[in-house]
Protein backbone atom coordinates (compact mmCIF):
# COMPACT_ATOMS: atom_id res chain seq x y z
CA UNK A 1 0.00 0.00 0.00
CA UNK A 2 2.81 2.38 0.91
CA UNK A 3 4.54 1.59 -2.36
CA UNK A 4 1.41 2.44 -4.38
CA UNK A 5 1.13 5.81 -2.64
CA UNK A 6 4.76 6.55 -3.35
CA UNK A 7 4.38 5.58 -7.01
CA UNK A 8 1.21 7.66 -7.37
CA UNK A 9 2.91 10.68 -5.76
CA UNK A 10 5.89 10.30 -8.06
CA UNK A 11 3.64 10.07 -11.17
CA UNK A 12 1.69 13.17 -10.16
CA UNK A 13 4.92 15.08 -9.54
CA UNK A 14 6.31 14.00 -12.92
CA UNK A 15 3.11 15.02 -14.71
CA UNK A 16 3.23 18.41 -13.01
CA UNK A 17 6.84 18.92 -14.10
CA UNK A 18 5.95 18.06 -17.69
CA UNK A 19 2.91 20.36 -17.82
CA UNK A 20 4.41 23.35 -16.03
CA UNK A 21 6.54 24.65 -18.94
CA UNK A 22 3.57 24.60 -21.32
CA UNK A 23 1.41 26.57 -18.89
CA UNK A 24 4.24 29.01 -18.19
CA UNK A 25 4.58 29.81 -21.91
CA UNK A 26 0.84 30.22 -22.42
CA UNK A 27 -0.76 33.48 -21.38
CA UNK A 28 -3.95 35.42 -22.00
CA UNK A 29 -4.05 38.54 -24.17
CA UNK A 30 -2.55 41.44 -22.23
CA UNK A 31 -4.87 44.20 -23.44
CA UNK A 32 -7.64 45.04 -25.89
CA UNK A 33 -7.65 48.46 -27.54
CA UNK A 34 -10.94 49.45 -29.17
CA UNK A 35 -12.04 52.49 -31.13
CA UNK A 36 -15.57 52.83 -32.50
CA UNK A 37 -16.26 55.44 -35.17
CA UNK A 38 -19.94 56.47 -34.84
CA UNK A 39 -19.99 57.98 -38.34
CA UNK A 40 -18.72 54.91 -40.21
CA UNK A 41 -19.99 52.40 -37.59
CA UNK A 42 -16.60 50.65 -37.72
CA UNK A 43 -15.08 49.05 -34.62
CA UNK A 44 -11.28 48.88 -34.83
CA UNK A 45 -9.57 46.39 -32.51
CA UNK A 46 -5.98 45.79 -31.53
CA UNK A 47 -5.47 42.86 -29.15
CA UNK A 48 -2.02 42.90 -27.55
CA UNK A 49 -0.66 39.37 -27.22
CA UNK A 50 3.08 38.69 -27.50
CA UNK A 51 3.89 35.34 -29.14
CA UNK A 52 7.03 33.77 -30.60
CA UNK A 53 5.56 32.81 -33.97
CA UNK A 54 2.22 34.33 -35.01
CA UNK A 55 1.76 31.53 -37.57
CA UNK A 56 2.52 28.83 -34.99
CA UNK A 57 0.22 27.27 -32.40
CA UNK A 58 0.09 30.23 -29.96
CA UNK A 59 -2.08 33.13 -31.14
CA UNK A 60 -5.41 34.91 -30.60
CA UNK A 61 -7.77 32.07 -31.45
CA UNK A 62 -11.13 33.85 -31.40
CA UNK A 63 -12.99 37.09 -30.90
CA UNK A 64 -16.57 37.47 -29.74
CA UNK A 65 -18.33 40.83 -30.05
CA UNK A 66 -21.56 41.49 -28.17
CA UNK A 67 -23.80 44.52 -28.52
CA UNK A 68 -25.98 45.23 -25.48
CA UNK A 69 -25.54 41.65 -24.28
CA UNK A 70 -26.34 39.97 -27.61
CA UNK A 71 -23.55 38.20 -29.53
CA UNK A 72 -23.36 39.83 -32.97
CA UNK A 73 -19.96 38.61 -34.23
CA UNK A 74 -17.92 35.47 -33.60
CA UNK A 75 -14.66 35.02 -35.49
CA UNK A 76 -12.08 32.23 -35.33
CA UNK A 77 -8.49 32.87 -36.42
CA UNK A 78 -5.85 30.45 -37.67
CA UNK A 79 -2.94 32.79 -36.94
CA UNK A 80 -2.14 36.18 -35.46
CA UNK A 81 -1.47 39.41 -37.41
CA UNK A 82 2.01 40.01 -35.88
CA UNK A 83 4.09 38.70 -32.99
CA UNK A 84 2.72 41.51 -30.83
CA UNK A 85 -0.95 41.79 -31.75
CA UNK A 86 -4.09 40.66 -33.52
CA UNK A 87 -5.99 43.30 -35.48
CA UNK A 88 -9.56 43.32 -36.68
CA UNK A 89 -12.18 45.68 -38.11
CA UNK A 90 -15.92 45.12 -37.79
CA UNK A 91 -18.96 46.96 -39.11
CA UNK A 92 -21.58 47.41 -36.35
CA UNK A 93 -24.50 49.02 -38.18
CA UNK A 94 -26.85 48.82 -35.18
CA UNK A 95 -24.54 50.45 -32.61
CA UNK A 96 -25.86 53.74 -31.25
CA UNK A 97 -24.70 56.24 -28.65
CA UNK A 98 -25.00 54.74 -25.17
CA UNK A 99 -24.84 51.13 -26.37
CA UNK A 100 -22.43 48.72 -24.71
CA UNK A 101 -20.00 46.70 -26.80
CA UNK A 102 -18.26 43.75 -25.14
CA UNK A 103 -15.16 42.31 -26.80
CA UNK A 104 -13.76 38.94 -25.70
CA UNK A 105 -10.41 37.70 -27.06
CA UNK A 106 -9.34 34.10 -26.42
CA UNK A 107 -5.78 32.74 -26.61
CA UNK A 108 -5.26 29.43 -28.43
CA UNK A 109 -3.24 28.12 -25.48
CA UNK A 110 -4.60 29.65 -22.30
CA UNK A 111 -6.72 32.52 -21.06
CA UNK A 112 -8.89 35.30 -22.31
CA UNK A 113 -9.34 39.06 -21.97
CA UNK A 114 -12.60 41.00 -22.04
CA UNK A 115 -13.19 44.70 -22.64
CA UNK A 116 -16.48 46.51 -22.11
CA UNK A 117 -16.78 49.65 -24.25
CA UNK A 118 -19.58 52.22 -24.20
CA UNK A 119 -20.41 53.93 -27.51
CA UNK A 120 -20.15 57.72 -27.22
C-alpha cells in the first residue's frame, strides 16, 4: 500500500513537471484596444498578445463581439497578425450612442481578456 502511494505521488509530480513549462509559456491577451467610429460604424480592434511565432500554435484564437448583451460577431483565427498583436475591423451598423459593446479575445493556449466599451 505504501509503495502504491509513493508511485502515485511520483507520477503526479512527474506530470506536473511536464505540464508546467507549457502553462508558463501560455498566457492570456494582455490588453484590448478598441475604437468605435460612430460615423462609419466601424469598430477597430488591436489585441495585444506577445507570441514567438504568429503563424505557430500560440495566437489569438477567437474574438466574440456582443452589442448590449447579444452576440453579434464570432470570429475564429488560424494565426495572429504580428508577434505583438491581432488586429480586426468590424462593421456594427446597429450600434448607437449609449450602447455597450463587449469584446472577448481568447488565446489558443490559455486565457482570455474582455473589454467593455460604451459607444459615445
